Amino acid sequence: MRVLSLVAGCFFALAAPHALTQSYPAKPVRVVVAFPAGGAVDVGARAVGQKLSEIWKQPVLVENRGGAGGNIGAQVVAKAAPDGYTLLATSSAIAINVTLYKDPGFAAKDLVAVAHAGATPNMIFAHPSVPANNLQELFALARTRPLSYASAGTGTGTQLMMEMLKKQAKVDIVHVPFSPAAAVTAVVGDQAAMGITSIPMPLAQVKGGKLRPIAVTTPKRLPGLPNVPTVAESGFPGFEDMTWFAFFLPAATPSPIVGRLNAELNRAMEQPDVKEKFASMNVEFSRNSLAEVGDYVRREIAKYARVIQETGAKAE
């Protein structure tokens, strides 16, 4: 009888994870977007959420919890019940904030990366009146007269990378923080000589001739902008930086649910209409496993920690 009890116990222990994934989701799922409505993270999360709702036949509710550079949304999810019903949609800001902020209100160990949702290049651009056509000319100009640059905000990946470039080029350009869209508007209005943001923001203005593209942060030139050099070929070999997006769960979420969500998120993002939405924002997605997204996020945390240390960046 004792042997039978042990066998039955083992059977139910093995069956429980399977039952958990089979019944999930049994109620509405909440996706917390760590930024205000209308940005790339929000648009992408809503496209994915709608597709998941169609697949699951369950509502997927998107909730914007912006603030503190993405920390507020991360705090909400880190403290949520680890049952798979609360996800975080955020950007590469999360890899920055765990080092940049003395106390971001959460730690990297409090969240588990469940799926990489793609990445988009960043672009350095200038007002057409600025007499510089490439990065070296821009930095040479900065040595002769005061210049300022607009970014998506203090402590963002784009600002940190520009600070790193400034340090390597031994040049001083005053930083003026904005939101991503406002940074583009500021340069178009000649409030700042140049700017750096993710590429979806300035692309229309570049194509309309209201901004001059200086460099992109991809390893190779972009097919849609073949005449715009990369930062790497502009005198900074090996330079590469992308603004990326990902989904996270509370760290204690059962592994069967984490695995199920990785598969379902990949499935949703591979659908033609979702891929089209991502492509319209210049976000490139490719299927990724839990191990791949976990390794990627860990590398990004380490990369930005080095940049923060080298530049002395601090949260304001």
Protein backbone atom coordinates (compact mmCIF):
# COMPACT_ATOMS: atom_id res chain seq x y z
CA MET A 1 0.00 0.00 0.00
CA ARG A 2 2.88 2.34 0.86
CA VAL A 3 4.46 1.69 -2.58
CA LEU A 4 1.14 2.41 -4.31
CA SER A 5 0.83 5.70 -2.39
CA LEU A 6 4.31 6.74 -3.46
CA VAL A 7 3.59 5.88 -7.08
CA ALA A 8 0.33 7.81 -6.98
CA GLY A 9 2.09 10.78 -5.41
CA CYS A 10 4.73 10.80 -8.14
CA PHE A 11 2.05 10.54 -10.83
CA PHE A 12 0.13 13.55 -9.51
CA ALA A 13 3.35 15.56 -9.06
CA LEU A 14 4.20 14.94 -12.72
CA ALA A 15 0.65 15.55 -13.90
CA ALA A 16 0.19 18.86 -12.05
CA PRO A 17 2.43 20.97 -14.33
CA HIS A 18 0.74 19.50 -17.39
CA ALA A 19 -2.71 20.30 -15.99
CA LEU A 20 -1.54 23.80 -15.13
CA THR A 21 -0.47 24.57 -18.69
CA GLN A 22 -3.53 22.89 -20.20
CA SER A 23 -5.95 25.07 -18.22
CA TYR A 24 -3.99 28.31 -18.70
CA PRO A 25 -5.30 30.94 -19.20
CA ALA A 26 -8.59 30.41 -17.39
CA LYS A 27 -9.27 34.14 -16.87
CA PRO A 28 -8.25 37.53 -18.36
CA VAL A 29 -4.52 38.25 -18.60
CA ARG A 30 -3.10 41.68 -17.79
CA VAL A 31 -0.16 43.18 -19.69
CA VAL A 32 1.42 46.11 -17.86
CA VAL A 33 3.16 48.47 -20.29
CA ALA A 34 5.95 50.36 -18.52
CA PHE A 35 5.48 53.47 -20.66
CA PRO A 36 2.66 55.84 -21.67
CA ALA A 37 0.24 55.03 -24.47
CA GLY A 38 1.28 55.64 -28.06
CA GLY A 39 4.95 54.65 -27.89
CA ALA A 40 6.55 51.65 -29.56
CA VAL A 41 6.26 49.43 -26.46
CA ASP A 42 2.58 50.25 -26.09
CA VAL A 43 1.75 49.77 -29.78
CA GLY A 44 3.61 46.46 -29.89
CA ALA A 45 2.07 45.19 -26.65
CA ARG A 46 -1.44 45.99 -27.89
CA ALA A 47 -0.85 44.20 -31.20
CA VAL A 48 0.47 41.13 -29.39
CA GLY A 49 -2.27 41.29 -26.73
CA GLN A 50 -5.00 41.36 -29.35
CA LYS A 51 -3.51 38.34 -31.09
CA LEU A 52 -3.17 36.41 -27.82
CA SER A 53 -6.79 37.18 -27.02
CA GLU A 54 -7.80 35.68 -30.37
CA ILE A 55 -5.67 32.59 -29.78
CA TRP A 56 -6.76 32.04 -26.16
CA LYS A 57 -10.37 33.20 -26.43
CA GLN A 58 -9.66 35.16 -23.26
CA PRO A 59 -9.42 38.94 -22.81
CA VAL A 60 -5.89 40.39 -22.68
CA LEU A 61 -6.05 43.74 -20.89
CA VAL A 62 -3.28 46.27 -21.60
CA GLU A 63 -2.59 48.72 -18.78
CA ASN A 64 -0.16 51.64 -19.09
CA ARG A 65 1.86 52.25 -15.92
CA GLY A 66 4.50 54.70 -17.07
CA GLY A 67 6.88 56.64 -14.83
CA ALA A 68 10.44 56.67 -13.51
CA GLY A 69 11.87 55.55 -16.83
CA GLY A 70 9.89 52.30 -16.82
CA ASN A 71 10.46 51.47 -13.14
CA ILE A 72 6.84 51.91 -12.04
CA GLY A 73 5.54 49.25 -14.42
CA ALA A 74 8.39 46.89 -13.48
CA GLN A 75 7.60 47.34 -9.78
CA VAL A 76 3.93 46.51 -10.37
CA VAL A 77 4.74 43.23 -12.12
CA ALA A 78 7.58 42.26 -9.76
CA LYS A 79 5.09 42.45 -6.88
CA ALA A 80 2.20 40.77 -8.72
CA ALA A 81 1.00 37.24 -8.02
CA PRO A 82 3.34 34.83 -9.86
CA ASP A 83 0.55 32.99 -11.63
CA GLY A 84 1.08 34.02 -15.25
CA TYR A 85 -1.80 36.47 -15.30
CA THR A 86 0.33 39.64 -15.08
CA LEU A 87 3.03 40.32 -17.67
CA LEU A 88 5.36 43.26 -18.14
CA ALA A 89 5.97 44.80 -21.55
CA THR A 90 9.03 47.01 -21.44
CA SER A 91 12.15 48.09 -23.31
CA SER A 92 15.92 47.94 -22.90
CA ALA A 93 15.38 50.57 -20.17
CA ILE A 94 14.93 47.71 -17.71
CA ALA A 95 18.51 46.54 -18.34
CA ILE A 96 19.74 50.07 -17.65
CA ASN A 97 17.65 50.90 -14.61
CA VAL A 98 18.79 48.03 -12.42
CA THR A 99 22.23 49.71 -12.38
CA LEU A 100 21.44 53.38 -13.04
CA TYR A 101 19.05 53.77 -10.11
CA LYS A 102 20.26 53.25 -6.56
CA ASP A 103 16.86 51.75 -5.76
CA PRO A 104 14.63 51.18 -8.81
CA GLY A 105 12.05 49.45 -6.60
CA PHE A 106 12.82 46.02 -8.00
CA ALA A 107 15.85 43.84 -8.73
CA ALA A 108 16.77 41.87 -11.84
CA LYS A 109 16.12 38.66 -9.90
CA ASP A 110 12.51 39.71 -9.26
CA LEU A 111 11.54 39.26 -12.92
CA VAL A 112 12.06 36.55 -15.53
CA ALA A 113 12.40 37.39 -19.22
CA VAL A 114 9.83 35.32 -21.10
CA ALA A 115 10.15 36.53 -24.72
CA HIS A 116 12.19 38.99 -26.74
CA ALA A 117 9.79 41.12 -28.79
CA GLY A 118 12.27 42.49 -31.30
CA ALA A 119 14.61 45.45 -31.60
CA THR A 120 14.88 48.65 -33.55
CA PRO A 121 17.97 50.66 -34.55
CA ASN A 122 18.80 54.04 -33.09
CA MET A 123 19.69 57.04 -35.23
CA ILE A 124 21.79 60.16 -34.76
CA PHE A 125 20.32 63.04 -36.72
CA ALA A 126 20.83 66.79 -37.06
CA HIS A 127 18.99 69.93 -38.09
CA PRO A 128 19.57 70.64 -41.82
CA SER A 129 21.28 73.94 -40.98
CA VAL A 130 24.09 72.16 -39.13
CA PRO A 131 27.14 72.08 -41.43
CA ALA A 132 27.98 68.42 -40.87
CA ASN A 133 27.15 65.38 -43.00
CA ASN A 134 28.65 62.62 -40.86
CA LEU A 135 29.64 61.86 -37.30
CA GLN A 136 33.26 62.94 -37.62
CA GLU A 137 32.24 66.28 -39.11
CA LEU A 138 29.66 66.72 -36.36
CA PHE A 139 32.22 66.09 -33.63
CA ALA A 140 34.75 68.36 -35.35
CA LEU A 141 32.11 71.11 -35.40
CA ALA A 142 31.45 70.58 -31.69
CA ARG A 143 35.10 71.38 -31.00
CA THR A 144 34.69 74.80 -32.60
CA ARG A 145 31.32 75.93 -31.24
CA PRO A 146 28.78 74.92 -28.57
CA LEU A 147 26.32 72.24 -29.63
CA SER A 148 23.49 70.48 -27.84
CA TYR A 149 21.80 67.15 -28.46
CA ALA A 150 18.27 66.00 -27.65
CA SER A 151 17.56 62.49 -26.41
CA ALA A 152 14.60 60.45 -25.20
CA GLY A 153 15.60 61.26 -21.62
CA THR A 154 18.34 61.04 -19.03
CA GLY A 155 19.45 57.47 -18.44
CA THR A 156 17.94 56.08 -21.63
CA GLY A 157 20.05 53.78 -23.78
CA THR A 158 20.37 56.39 -26.52
CA GLN A 159 21.62 59.03 -24.08
CA LEU A 160 24.10 56.64 -22.50
CA MET A 161 25.47 55.65 -25.91
CA MET A 162 25.88 59.27 -26.97
CA GLU A 163 27.73 59.97 -23.73
CA MET A 164 30.01 57.04 -24.51
CA LEU A 165 30.65 58.37 -28.01
CA LYS A 166 31.39 61.84 -26.62
CA LYS A 167 33.91 60.35 -24.23
CA GLN A 168 35.63 58.35 -26.96
CA ALA A 169 35.71 61.37 -29.29
CA LYS A 170 36.85 63.69 -26.47
CA VAL A 171 34.16 66.23 -27.29
CA ASP A 172 31.60 68.13 -25.22
CA ILE A 173 28.00 68.36 -26.44
CA VAL A 174 25.34 69.50 -23.98
CA HIS A 175 22.57 66.99 -23.32
CA VAL A 176 18.96 68.20 -23.35
CA PRO A 177 16.50 65.49 -22.22
CA PHE A 178 13.04 65.12 -23.81
CA SER A 179 10.54 62.37 -24.45
CA PRO A 180 11.30 60.44 -27.69
CA ALA A 181 8.79 62.33 -29.86
CA ALA A 182 9.63 65.68 -28.27
CA ALA A 183 13.35 65.13 -28.94
CA VAL A 184 12.63 64.89 -32.67
CA THR A 185 10.41 67.97 -32.56
CA ALA A 186 13.13 69.90 -30.72
CA VAL A 187 15.70 69.22 -33.45
CA VAL A 188 13.21 69.94 -36.25
CA GLY A 189 12.53 73.28 -34.50
CA ASP A 190 16.27 73.95 -34.12
CA GLN A 191 16.04 73.95 -30.32
CA ALA A 192 18.87 71.43 -30.36
CA ALA A 193 21.45 70.97 -33.10
CA MET A 194 21.20 67.20 -33.10
CA GLY A 195 19.42 64.29 -31.52
CA ILE A 196 19.52 60.56 -30.92
CA THR A 197 16.44 58.33 -30.57
CA SER A 198 15.17 54.99 -31.80
CA ILE A 199 14.67 55.17 -35.56
CA PRO A 200 10.86 55.11 -35.75
CA MET A 201 10.68 58.58 -34.20
CA PRO A 202 12.77 60.63 -36.70
CA LEU A 203 12.29 58.50 -39.82
CA ALA A 204 9.37 60.44 -41.33
CA GLN A 205 11.13 63.76 -40.74
CA VAL A 206 14.33 62.39 -42.28
CA LYS A 207 12.47 61.24 -45.37
CA GLY A 208 10.70 64.61 -45.52
CA GLY A 209 13.99 66.50 -45.50
CA LYS A 210 13.37 68.17 -42.14
CA LEU A 211 16.21 66.27 -40.48
CA ARG A 212 19.60 65.12 -41.76
CA PRO A 213 20.53 61.53 -40.87
CA ILE A 214 24.06 61.30 -39.48
CA ALA A 215 24.53 57.65 -38.49
CA VAL A 216 22.66 54.50 -37.47
CA THR A 217 23.67 52.19 -34.65
CA THR A 218 23.34 48.87 -36.48
CA PRO A 219 26.37 46.72 -37.41
CA LYS A 220 25.50 47.16 -41.11
CA ARG A 221 23.75 49.89 -43.07
CA LEU A 222 19.98 49.67 -43.24
CA PRO A 223 18.46 48.58 -46.58
CA GLY A 224 15.95 51.43 -46.37
CA LEU A 225 18.69 54.01 -45.71
CA PRO A 226 21.65 52.75 -47.75
CA ASN A 227 23.41 56.14 -47.82
CA VAL A 228 23.42 56.57 -44.05
CA PRO A 229 26.64 55.19 -42.51
CA THR A 230 26.81 53.21 -39.30
CA VAL A 231 28.45 54.58 -36.17
CA ALA A 232 30.96 51.72 -36.44
CA GLU A 233 32.14 52.79 -39.89
CA SER A 234 32.18 56.44 -38.80
CA GLY A 235 35.29 55.97 -36.70
CA PHE A 236 33.99 53.85 -33.80
CA PRO A 237 34.70 50.20 -34.71
CA GLY A 238 32.54 47.60 -33.00
CA PHE A 239 29.88 50.08 -31.92
CA GLU A 240 26.38 48.63 -31.92
CA ASP A 241 23.29 49.54 -29.97
CA MET A 242 19.60 48.75 -30.40
CA THR A 243 16.46 49.68 -28.53
CA TRP A 244 14.82 46.35 -27.75
CA PHE A 245 11.51 45.21 -26.32
CA ALA A 246 10.62 42.20 -24.18
CA PHE A 247 7.98 40.57 -22.01
CA PHE A 248 8.66 39.62 -18.38
CA LEU A 249 6.87 37.73 -15.60
CA PRO A 250 7.29 37.69 -11.81
CA ALA A 251 10.29 35.49 -11.06
CA ALA A 252 8.35 32.88 -9.04
CA THR A 253 5.94 32.09 -11.89
CA PRO A 254 5.77 28.27 -12.35
CA SER A 255 8.11 27.13 -15.12
CA PRO A 256 5.33 25.38 -17.12
CA ILE A 257 3.51 28.72 -17.40
CA VAL A 258 6.72 30.56 -18.33
CA GLY A 259 7.39 28.00 -21.05
CA ARG A 260 3.81 28.16 -22.32
CA LEU A 261 3.95 31.95 -22.52
CA ASN A 262 7.26 31.90 -24.36
CA ALA A 263 5.70 29.64 -27.00
CA GLU A 264 2.46 31.63 -27.21
CA LEU A 265 4.17 35.02 -27.40
CA ASN A 266 6.46 33.78 -30.17
CA ARG A 267 3.44 32.36 -31.96
CA ALA A 268 1.55 35.66 -31.69
CA MET A 269 4.51 37.74 -32.90
CA GLU A 270 4.99 35.49 -35.91
CA GLN A 271 1.49 36.19 -37.21
CA PRO A 272 1.53 38.24 -40.45
CA ASP A 273 -0.54 41.16 -39.13
CA VAL A 274 1.59 41.48 -35.98
CA LYS A 275 4.81 41.25 -38.00
CA GLU A 276 3.45 43.96 -40.29
CA LYS A 277 2.72 46.20 -37.30
CA PHE A 278 6.24 45.63 -35.97
CA ALA A 279 7.76 46.30 -39.39
CA SER A 280 5.89 49.63 -39.60
CA MET A 281 7.86 50.67 -36.49
CA ASN A 282 11.15 49.26 -37.89
CA VAL A 283 11.10 46.59 -35.20
CA GLU A 284 12.69 43.33 -36.31
CA PHE A 285 11.48 40.17 -34.55
CA SER A 286 12.80 36.62 -34.67
CA ARG A 287 11.63 33.59 -32.65
CA ASN A 288 13.57 33.13 -29.40
CA SER A 289 13.72 30.54 -26.62
CA LEU A 290 13.67 31.16 -22.88
CA ALA A 291 17.40 30.49 -22.71
CA GLU A 292 18.10 32.92 -25.55
CA VAL A 293 16.08 35.80 -24.14
CA GLY A 294 17.46 35.21 -20.65
CA ASP A 295 21.05 35.26 -21.88
CA TYR A 296 20.38 38.35 -24.00
CA VAL A 297 18.95 40.34 -21.09
CA ARG A 298 21.85 39.34 -18.82
CA ARG A 299 24.37 40.51 -21.45
CA GLU A 300 22.53 43.80 -21.88
CA ILE A 301 22.50 44.41 -18.11
CA ALA A 302 26.26 43.83 -18.03
CA LYS A 303 26.83 46.07 -21.08
CA TYR A 304 24.92 49.00 -19.66
CA ALA A 305 26.52 48.57 -16.25
CA ARG A 306 29.91 49.08 -17.92
CA VAL A 307 28.68 52.13 -19.82
CA ILE A 308 27.18 53.67 -16.67
CA GLN A 309 30.43 53.09 -14.80
CA GLU A 310 32.58 54.53 -17.60
CA THR A 311 30.43 57.61 -18.21
CA GLY A 312 29.50 58.26 -14.59
CA ALA A 313 25.83 58.53 -15.56
CA LYS A 314 23.33 59.07 -12.76
CA ALA A 315 19.54 59.04 -12.60
CA GLU A 316 18.06 62.50 -12.20
